[in-house]
Amino acid sequence: MGGRTKQGQAPILEPAHQRAFLAWVATTTFALRNDVIARLSFECAARATEIGRLRWWMAYDPEWRLRPRLQLHASASKGGYSGRSLCIVPHGLGAALERLRVAVAPRDARGFIVHFRKHSVDPVTRSSAVQAFFRAGYDAIGLREASSHSGRRTAITRVSRAVGLKNAQVFAGHRRVATTAVYEDPAYDVIDRVVTELLVVSAAQGIDVGRPVMAKASLDPVSQAREVIADVETSRPQAARTTLRA
């Protein structure tokens, strides 16, 4: 997985995991429908309940032209308290939606984008069907810890790292930024790289980071500081020395 997670959190997906999932989708019976479901999670951070509630008019205008942005209405969002506008990537979700539209030829824009065999309209049943789809897919590619929330959490984490937590809150549709902060996965690789590069810079300047610098106990604090500075300066090459004053 893409990183350590708190207990109960859906794990972050690596790009290779998402590619493997989409490859599995291509082998399924309802591949066109399933491709849309997967991309709604990966690209829009859509919840299972939102995927199940999406209707054609939220993605297409009255002339059946694909909208540049998905209009996730409050009626499709969790709790129904707010909607959000999400970018439809033309070569990603946009292409998947177009393939599905051509195949099913919907006549009523008020109909659900995603259809299941039982044709249920119950939100809980439809959400459960979406969750079961992701469960089957992740099991098939060997990601048994992943869930329908993994794509959403991955997308929120990437958006937060790229444009900040406040923008990620809007993207995720959270009421409070604190909720978004819980979703974001710490960038341990970035933290480790920064620490390593800082240590390398110190060594390159000629400072022996492994040798403790001891000050004389009998000196006052100002004199101790001067002793420390002098000791560090002495350890540097002549060309790199600078004059430091307390």
C-alpha atoms as a PDB file:
ATOM      1  CA  MET A   1       0.000   0.000   0.000  1.00  0.00           C
ATOM      2  CA  GLY A   2       0.969   3.601  -0.334  1.00  0.00           C
ATOM      3  CA  GLY A   3       1.672   4.296   3.318  1.00  0.00           C
ATOM      4  CA  ARG A   4       1.019   3.578   6.968  1.00  0.00           C
ATOM      5  CA  THR A   5      -2.593   4.073   8.048  1.00  0.00           C
ATOM      6  CA  LYS A   6      -4.420   4.648  11.293  1.00  0.00           C
ATOM      7  CA  GLN A   7      -6.533   1.775  12.523  1.00  0.00           C
ATOM      8  CA  GLY A   8      -9.818   1.674  10.634  1.00  0.00           C
ATOM      9  CA  GLN A   9      -8.688   3.915   7.763  1.00  0.00           C
ATOM     10  CA  ALA A  10      -8.829   2.773   4.158  1.00  0.00           C
ATOM     11  CA  PRO A  11      -5.262   2.384   2.837  1.00  0.00           C
ATOM     12  CA  ILE A  12      -3.807   4.682   0.196  1.00  0.00           C
ATOM     13  CA  LEU A  13      -3.400   3.262  -3.315  1.00  0.00           C
ATOM     14  CA  GLU A  14      -0.276   3.489  -5.441  1.00  0.00           C
ATOM     15  CA  PRO A  15      -0.699   4.382  -9.155  1.00  0.00           C
ATOM     16  CA  ALA A  16       0.268   0.788  -9.994  1.00  0.00           C
ATOM     17  CA  HIS A  17      -2.616  -0.464  -7.843  1.00  0.00           C
ATOM     18  CA  GLN A  18      -5.093   1.744  -9.681  1.00  0.00           C
ATOM     19  CA  ARG A  19      -3.796   0.606 -13.063  1.00  0.00           C
ATOM     20  CA  ALA A  20      -4.132  -3.019 -11.949  1.00  0.00           C
ATOM     21  CA  PHE A  21      -7.692  -2.371 -10.786  1.00  0.00           C
ATOM     22  CA  LEU A  22      -8.656  -0.805 -14.116  1.00  0.00           C
ATOM     23  CA  ALA A  23      -7.075  -3.751 -15.927  1.00  0.00           C
ATOM     24  CA  TRP A  24      -9.277  -6.068 -13.852  1.00  0.00           C
ATOM     25  CA  VAL A  25     -12.317  -3.897 -14.659  1.00  0.00           C
ATOM     26  CA  ALA A  26     -11.700  -4.497 -18.375  1.00  0.00           C
ATOM     27  CA  THR A  27     -12.194  -8.232 -17.795  1.00  0.00           C
ATOM     28  CA  THR A  28     -15.549  -7.917 -16.012  1.00  0.00           C
ATOM     29  CA  THR A  29     -18.986  -8.532 -17.521  1.00  0.00           C
ATOM     30  CA  PHE A  30     -20.142  -4.930 -17.201  1.00  0.00           C
ATOM     31  CA  ALA A  31     -16.797  -3.351 -18.024  1.00  0.00           C
ATOM     32  CA  LEU A  32     -18.144  -0.006 -19.327  1.00  0.00           C
ATOM     33  CA  ARG A  33     -20.255   0.563 -16.229  1.00  0.00           C
ATOM     34  CA  ASN A  34     -17.497  -0.600 -13.908  1.00  0.00           C
ATOM     35  CA  ASP A  35     -14.945   1.687 -15.558  1.00  0.00           C
ATOM     36  CA  VAL A  36     -17.150   4.668 -14.719  1.00  0.00           C
ATOM     37  CA  ILE A  37     -17.563   3.481 -11.122  1.00  0.00           C
ATOM     38  CA  ALA A  38     -13.794   3.082 -10.670  1.00  0.00           C
ATOM     39  CA  ARG A  39     -12.957   6.472 -12.187  1.00  0.00           C
ATOM     40  CA  LEU A  40     -15.555   8.266 -10.097  1.00  0.00           C
ATOM     41  CA  SER A  41     -13.669   6.969  -7.059  1.00  0.00           C
ATOM     42  CA  PHE A  42     -10.130   7.526  -8.370  1.00  0.00           C
ATOM     43  CA  GLU A  43     -10.627  10.906 -10.087  1.00  0.00           C
ATOM     44  CA  CYS A  44     -13.509  12.522  -8.193  1.00  0.00           C
ATOM     45  CA  ALA A  45     -13.097  11.035  -4.722  1.00  0.00           C
ATOM     46  CA  ALA A  46     -16.744  10.021  -4.902  1.00  0.00           C
ATOM     47  CA  ARG A  47     -18.195   8.017  -2.030  1.00  0.00           C
ATOM     48  CA  ALA A  48     -19.960   4.715  -2.683  1.00  0.00           C
ATOM     49  CA  THR A  49     -23.324   6.294  -1.879  1.00  0.00           C
ATOM     50  CA  GLU A  50     -22.621   9.188  -4.273  1.00  0.00           C
ATOM     51  CA  ILE A  51     -21.650   6.846  -7.106  1.00  0.00           C
ATOM     52  CA  GLY A  52     -24.901   4.970  -6.621  1.00  0.00           C
ATOM     53  CA  ARG A  53     -26.977   8.166  -6.668  1.00  0.00           C
ATOM     54  CA  LEU A  54     -25.450   9.942  -9.679  1.00  0.00           C
ATOM     55  CA  ARG A  55     -27.867  10.758 -12.476  1.00  0.00           C
ATOM     56  CA  TRP A  56     -27.193  11.535 -16.121  1.00  0.00           C
ATOM     57  CA  TRP A  57     -28.151  15.205 -15.867  1.00  0.00           C
ATOM     58  CA  MET A  58     -25.334  15.751 -13.380  1.00  0.00           C
ATOM     59  CA  ALA A  59     -22.803  14.854 -16.103  1.00  0.00           C
ATOM     60  CA  TYR A  60     -24.671  15.930 -19.272  1.00  0.00           C
ATOM     61  CA  ASP A  61     -26.514  19.081 -20.342  1.00  0.00           C
ATOM     62  CA  PRO A  62     -30.056  19.012 -21.837  1.00  0.00           C
ATOM     63  CA  GLU A  63     -28.570  18.437 -25.317  1.00  0.00           C
ATOM     64  CA  TRP A  64     -26.664  15.386 -24.064  1.00  0.00           C
ATOM     65  CA  ARG A  65     -23.323  17.134 -24.283  1.00  0.00           C
ATOM     66  CA  LEU A  66     -20.813  16.095 -21.644  1.00  0.00           C
ATOM     67  CA  ARG A  67     -20.354  18.807 -19.052  1.00  0.00           C
ATOM     68  CA  PRO A  68     -16.791  19.979 -18.264  1.00  0.00           C
ATOM     69  CA  ARG A  69     -17.606  19.515 -14.592  1.00  0.00           C
ATOM     70  CA  LEU A  70     -19.635  16.915 -12.755  1.00  0.00           C
ATOM     71  CA  GLN A  71     -22.447  18.657 -10.886  1.00  0.00           C
ATOM     72  CA  LEU A  72     -22.740  16.476  -7.809  1.00  0.00           C
ATOM     73  CA  HIS A  73     -26.086  17.656  -6.480  1.00  0.00           C
ATOM     74  CA  ALA A  74     -26.930  17.644  -2.783  1.00  0.00           C
ATOM     75  CA  SER A  75     -29.448  14.871  -3.482  1.00  0.00           C
ATOM     76  CA  ALA A  76     -26.522  12.602  -4.404  1.00  0.00           C
ATOM     77  CA  SER A  77     -24.110  13.637  -1.682  1.00  0.00           C
ATOM     78  CA  LYS A  78     -23.647  12.094   1.740  1.00  0.00           C
ATOM     79  CA  GLY A  79     -26.318  13.369   4.101  1.00  0.00           C
ATOM     80  CA  GLY A  80     -27.751  15.548   1.322  1.00  0.00           C
ATOM     81  CA  TYR A  81     -26.367  18.696   2.953  1.00  0.00           C
ATOM     82  CA  SER A  82     -24.226  20.039   0.082  1.00  0.00           C
ATOM     83  CA  GLY A  83     -23.155  19.310  -3.461  1.00  0.00           C
ATOM     84  CA  ARG A  84     -19.912  20.023  -5.248  1.00  0.00           C
ATOM     85  CA  SER A  85     -18.556  20.643  -8.714  1.00  0.00           C
ATOM     86  CA  LEU A  86     -15.827  18.245  -9.868  1.00  0.00           C
ATOM     87  CA  CYS A  87     -13.628  18.274 -12.947  1.00  0.00           C
ATOM     88  CA  ILE A  88     -14.427  15.615 -15.551  1.00  0.00           C
ATOM     89  CA  VAL A  89     -11.076  14.584 -17.035  1.00  0.00           C
ATOM     90  CA  PRO A  90     -11.776  14.238 -20.793  1.00  0.00           C
ATOM     91  CA  HIS A  91      -9.413  11.301 -21.380  1.00  0.00           C
ATOM     92  CA  GLY A  92     -10.369   9.635 -18.089  1.00  0.00           C
ATOM     93  CA  LEU A  93     -13.856   9.795 -16.599  1.00  0.00           C
ATOM     94  CA  GLY A  94     -15.121  11.792 -19.591  1.00  0.00           C
ATOM     95  CA  ALA A  95     -14.190   9.074 -22.074  1.00  0.00           C
ATOM     96  CA  ALA A  96     -15.613   6.375 -19.791  1.00  0.00           C
ATOM     97  CA  LEU A  97     -18.935   8.227 -19.473  1.00  0.00           C
ATOM     98  CA  GLU A  98     -19.186   8.690 -23.230  1.00  0.00           C
ATOM     99  CA  ARG A  99     -18.574   4.998 -23.882  1.00  0.00           C
ATOM    100  CA  LEU A 100     -21.250   4.054 -21.366  1.00  0.00           C
ATOM    101  CA  ARG A 101     -23.758   6.596 -22.726  1.00  0.00           C
ATOM    102  CA  VAL A 102     -23.347   5.326 -26.284  1.00  0.00           C
ATOM    103  CA  ALA A 103     -23.771   1.726 -25.129  1.00  0.00           C
ATOM    104  CA  VAL A 104     -26.896   2.191 -22.972  1.00  0.00           C
ATOM    105  CA  ALA A 105     -28.471   5.106 -24.915  1.00  0.00           C
ATOM    106  CA  PRO A 106     -30.301   6.679 -21.938  1.00  0.00           C
ATOM    107  CA  ARG A 107     -33.481   8.577 -22.804  1.00  0.00           C
ATOM    108  CA  ASP A 108     -34.229  10.123 -19.449  1.00  0.00           C
ATOM    109  CA  ALA A 109     -31.536  12.366 -17.978  1.00  0.00           C
ATOM    110  CA  ARG A 110     -33.091  11.802 -14.547  1.00  0.00           C
ATOM    111  CA  GLY A 111     -32.091   8.150 -14.600  1.00  0.00           C
ATOM    112  CA  PHE A 112     -29.175   6.690 -12.673  1.00  0.00           C
ATOM    113  CA  ILE A 113     -25.842   6.560 -14.492  1.00  0.00           C
ATOM    114  CA  VAL A 114     -24.955   3.276 -12.789  1.00  0.00           C
ATOM    115  CA  HIS A 115     -27.436   0.412 -13.134  1.00  0.00           C
ATOM    116  CA  PHE A 116     -27.371  -2.886 -11.287  1.00  0.00           C
ATOM    117  CA  ARG A 117     -29.101  -6.184 -12.020  1.00  0.00           C
ATOM    118  CA  LYS A 118     -31.775  -5.763  -9.352  1.00  0.00           C
ATOM    119  CA  HIS A 119     -32.584  -2.204 -10.551  1.00  0.00           C
ATOM    120  CA  SER A 120     -33.006  -1.080  -6.961  1.00  0.00           C
ATOM    121  CA  VAL A 121     -33.558   2.621  -6.265  1.00  0.00           C
ATOM    122  CA  ASP A 122     -32.879   2.295  -2.546  1.00  0.00           C
ATOM    123  CA  PRO A 123     -29.762   4.379  -1.706  1.00  0.00           C
ATOM    124  CA  VAL A 124     -28.479   1.903   0.887  1.00  0.00           C
ATOM    125  CA  THR A 125     -28.829  -1.046  -1.468  1.00  0.00           C
ATOM    126  CA  ARG A 126     -27.105   0.820  -4.293  1.00  0.00           C
ATOM    127  CA  SER A 127     -24.276   1.945  -2.027  1.00  0.00           C
ATOM    128  CA  SER A 128     -23.800  -1.634  -0.842  1.00  0.00           C
ATOM    129  CA  ALA A 129     -23.587  -2.807  -4.463  1.00  0.00           C
ATOM    130  CA  VAL A 130     -20.823  -0.266  -5.183  1.00  0.00           C
ATOM    131  CA  GLN A 131     -18.932  -1.367  -2.077  1.00  0.00           C
ATOM    132  CA  ALA A 132     -19.252  -5.019  -3.105  1.00  0.00           C
ATOM    133  CA  PHE A 133     -17.867  -4.169  -6.546  1.00  0.00           C
ATOM    134  CA  PHE A 134     -14.744  -2.587  -5.070  1.00  0.00           C
ATOM    135  CA  ARG A 135     -14.358  -5.445  -2.598  1.00  0.00           C
ATOM    136  CA  ALA A 136     -14.386  -7.981  -5.453  1.00  0.00           C
ATOM    137  CA  GLY A 137     -11.909  -5.944  -7.479  1.00  0.00           C
ATOM    138  CA  TYR A 138      -9.381  -5.370  -4.720  1.00  0.00           C
ATOM    139  CA  ASP A 139      -9.560  -9.030  -3.728  1.00  0.00           C
ATOM    140  CA  ALA A 140      -8.921 -10.000  -7.356  1.00  0.00           C
ATOM    141  CA  ILE A 141      -5.694  -7.972  -7.524  1.00  0.00           C
ATOM    142  CA  GLY A 142      -4.490  -8.963  -4.062  1.00  0.00           C
ATOM    143  CA  LEU A 143      -5.305  -5.776  -2.105  1.00  0.00           C
ATOM    144  CA  ARG A 144      -7.405  -7.337   0.621  1.00  0.00           C
ATOM    145  CA  GLU A 145      -7.052  -4.370   3.007  1.00  0.00           C
ATOM    146  CA  ALA A 146      -8.387  -1.857   0.457  1.00  0.00           C
ATOM    147  CA  SER A 147     -12.033  -0.796   0.331  1.00  0.00           C
ATOM    148  CA  SER A 148     -14.411   1.413  -1.627  1.00  0.00           C
ATOM    149  CA  HIS A 149     -13.013   4.335   0.385  1.00  0.00           C
ATOM    150  CA  SER A 150      -9.397   3.763  -0.710  1.00  0.00           C
ATOM    151  CA  GLY A 151      -9.805   5.582  -4.022  1.00  0.00           C
ATOM    152  CA  ARG A 152     -11.456   8.529  -2.293  1.00  0.00           C
ATOM    153  CA  ARG A 153      -8.792   8.778   0.405  1.00  0.00           C
ATOM    154  CA  THR A 154      -6.031   8.500  -2.188  1.00  0.00           C
ATOM    155  CA  ALA A 155      -7.515  11.301  -4.300  1.00  0.00           C
ATOM    156  CA  ILE A 156      -7.992  13.599  -1.285  1.00  0.00           C
ATOM    157  CA  THR A 157      -4.412  13.001  -0.142  1.00  0.00           C
ATOM    158  CA  ARG A 158      -2.971  13.817  -3.565  1.00  0.00           C
ATOM    159  CA  VAL A 159      -5.069  16.966  -3.972  1.00  0.00           C
ATOM    160  CA  SER A 160      -4.128  18.144  -0.478  1.00  0.00           C
ATOM    161  CA  ARG A 161      -0.418  17.703  -1.157  1.00  0.00           C
ATOM    162  CA  ALA A 162      -0.712  19.530  -4.471  1.00  0.00           C
ATOM    163  CA  VAL A 163      -2.939  22.505  -3.615  1.00  0.00           C
ATOM    164  CA  GLY A 164      -3.308  22.537   0.162  1.00  0.00           C
ATOM    165  CA  LEU A 165      -5.739  21.311   2.780  1.00  0.00           C
ATOM    166  CA  LYS A 166      -8.379  24.030   2.279  1.00  0.00           C
ATOM    167  CA  ASN A 167      -8.739  23.257  -1.439  1.00  0.00           C
ATOM    168  CA  ALA A 168      -8.815  19.550  -0.648  1.00  0.00           C
ATOM    169  CA  GLN A 169     -11.707  20.210   1.741  1.00  0.00           C
ATOM    170  CA  VAL A 170     -13.728  21.695  -1.129  1.00  0.00           C
ATOM    171  CA  PHE A 171     -12.778  18.791  -3.391  1.00  0.00           C
ATOM    172  CA  ALA A 172     -13.801  16.239  -0.763  1.00  0.00           C
ATOM    173  CA  GLY A 173     -17.049  17.967   0.174  1.00  0.00           C
ATOM    174  CA  HIS A 174     -16.278  18.071   3.894  1.00  0.00           C
ATOM    175  CA  ARG A 175     -17.962  20.519   6.224  1.00  0.00           C
ATOM    176  CA  ARG A 176     -14.852  20.918   8.361  1.00  0.00           C
ATOM    177  CA  VAL A 177     -11.210  21.077   7.310  1.00  0.00           C
ATOM    178  CA  ALA A 178     -10.359  18.892  10.328  1.00  0.00           C
ATOM    179  CA  THR A 179     -12.203  16.020   8.655  1.00  0.00           C
ATOM    180  CA  THR A 180     -10.091  16.426   5.522  1.00  0.00           C
ATOM    181  CA  ALA A 181      -6.921  16.446   7.618  1.00  0.00           C
ATOM    182  CA  VAL A 182      -7.824  13.017   8.980  1.00  0.00           C
ATOM    183  CA  TYR A 183      -8.181  11.693   5.427  1.00  0.00           C
ATOM    184  CA  GLU A 184      -4.766  12.913   4.285  1.00  0.00           C
ATOM    185  CA  ASP A 185      -2.001  10.335   4.506  1.00  0.00           C
ATOM    186  CA  PRO A 186       1.363  11.632   5.823  1.00  0.00           C
ATOM    187  CA  ALA A 187       4.022  11.867   3.101  1.00  0.00           C
ATOM    188  CA  TYR A 188       6.628   9.771   4.878  1.00  0.00           C
ATOM    189  CA  ASP A 189       8.782   9.520   1.755  1.00  0.00           C
ATOM    190  CA  VAL A 190       8.893  13.314   1.439  1.00  0.00           C
ATOM    191  CA  ILE A 191       9.667  13.751   5.134  1.00  0.00           C
ATOM    192  CA  ASP A 192      12.484  11.199   4.953  1.00  0.00           C
ATOM    193  CA  ARG A 193      13.934  12.825   1.833  1.00  0.00           C
ATOM    194  CA  VAL A 194      13.975  16.285   3.436  1.00  0.00           C
ATOM    195  CA  VAL A 195      15.652  14.983   6.586  1.00  0.00           C
ATOM    196  CA  THR A 196      18.242  13.063   4.575  1.00  0.00           C
ATOM    197  CA  GLU A 197      19.045  16.029   2.348  1.00  0.00           C
ATOM    198  CA  LEU A 198      19.462  18.321   5.353  1.00  0.00           C
ATOM    199  CA  LEU A 199      21.919  15.902   6.938  1.00  0.00           C
ATOM    200  CA  VAL A 200      23.843  15.603   3.663  1.00  0.00           C
ATOM    201  CA  VAL A 201      24.113  19.385   3.428  1.00  0.00           C
ATOM    202  CA  SER A 202      25.515  19.567   6.962  1.00  0.00           C
ATOM    203  CA  ALA A 203      28.164  16.972   6.165  1.00  0.00           C
ATOM    204  CA  ALA A 204      29.071  18.750   2.920  1.00  0.00           C
ATOM    205  CA  GLN A 205      29.814  21.908   4.883  1.00  0.00           C
ATOM    206  CA  GLY A 206      32.424  20.078   6.889  1.00  0.00           C
ATOM    207  CA  ILE A 207      30.513  19.749  10.146  1.00  0.00           C
ATOM    208  CA  ASP A 208      31.123  16.470  11.937  1.00  0.00           C
ATOM    209  CA  VAL A 209      27.525  15.726  12.920  1.00  0.00           C
ATOM    210  CA  GLY A 210      28.607  12.638  14.817  1.00  0.00           C
ATOM    211  CA  ARG A 211      31.051  14.402  17.156  1.00  0.00           C
ATOM    212  CA  PRO A 212      29.494  16.084  20.220  1.00  0.00           C
ATOM    213  CA  VAL A 213      30.529  19.673  20.807  1.00  0.00           C
ATOM    214  CA  MET A 214      31.227  20.173  24.516  1.00  0.00           C
ATOM    215  CA  ALA A 215      31.233  23.541  26.267  1.00  0.00           C
ATOM    216  CA  LYS A 216      33.224  24.237  29.416  1.00  0.00           C
ATOM    217  CA  ALA A 217      31.001  23.994  32.488  1.00  0.00           C
ATOM    218  CA  SER A 218      32.754  26.898  34.230  1.00  0.00           C
ATOM    219  CA  LEU A 219      31.863  29.421  31.527  1.00  0.00           C
ATOM    220  CA  ASP A 220      28.796  31.656  31.559  1.00  0.00           C
ATOM    221  CA  PRO A 221      26.104  31.011  28.862  1.00  0.00           C
ATOM    222  CA  VAL A 222      27.443  33.655  26.445  1.00  0.00           C
ATOM    223  CA  SER A 223      30.985  32.334  26.735  1.00  0.00           C
ATOM    224  CA  GLN A 224      29.729  28.764  26.295  1.00  0.00           C
ATOM    225  CA  ALA A 225      27.995  29.807  23.069  1.00  0.00           C
ATOM    226  CA  ARG A 226      31.214  31.392  21.803  1.00  0.00           C
ATOM    227  CA  GLU A 227      33.151  28.209  22.651  1.00  0.00           C
ATOM    228  CA  VAL A 228      30.640  26.125  20.693  1.00  0.00           C
ATOM    229  CA  ILE A 229      30.846  28.432  17.665  1.00  0.00           C
ATOM    230  CA  ALA A 230      34.631  28.431  17.781  1.00  0.00           C
ATOM    231  CA  ASP A 231      34.739  24.627  18.038  1.00  0.00           C
ATOM    232  CA  VAL A 232      32.424  24.241  15.012  1.00  0.00           C
ATOM    233  CA  GLU A 233      34.396  26.794  13.002  1.00  0.00           C
ATOM    234  CA  THR A 234      37.639  24.977  13.742  1.00  0.00           C
ATOM    235  CA  SER A 235      36.162  21.738  12.400  1.00  0.00           C
ATOM    236  CA  ARG A 236      35.371  23.328   9.025  1.00  0.00           C
ATOM    237  CA  PRO A 237      37.828  23.535   6.107  1.00  0.00           C
ATOM    238  CA  GLN A 238      39.697  26.859   5.968  1.00  0.00           C
ATOM    239  CA  ALA A 239      37.858  28.013   2.810  1.00  0.00           C
ATOM    240  CA  ALA A 240      34.444  27.433   4.360  1.00  0.00           C
ATOM    241  CA  ARG A 241      35.063  29.271   7.640  1.00  0.00           C
ATOM    242  CA  THR A 242      33.112  32.390   8.482  1.00  0.00           C
ATOM    243  CA  THR A 243      33.328  34.774  11.382  1.00  0.00           C
ATOM    244  CA  LEU A 244      30.406  34.372  13.750  1.00  0.00           C
ATOM    245  CA  ARG A 245      29.739  36.624  16.706  1.00  0.00           C
ATOM    246  CA  ALA A 246      27.364  35.937  19.557  1.00  0.00           C
END
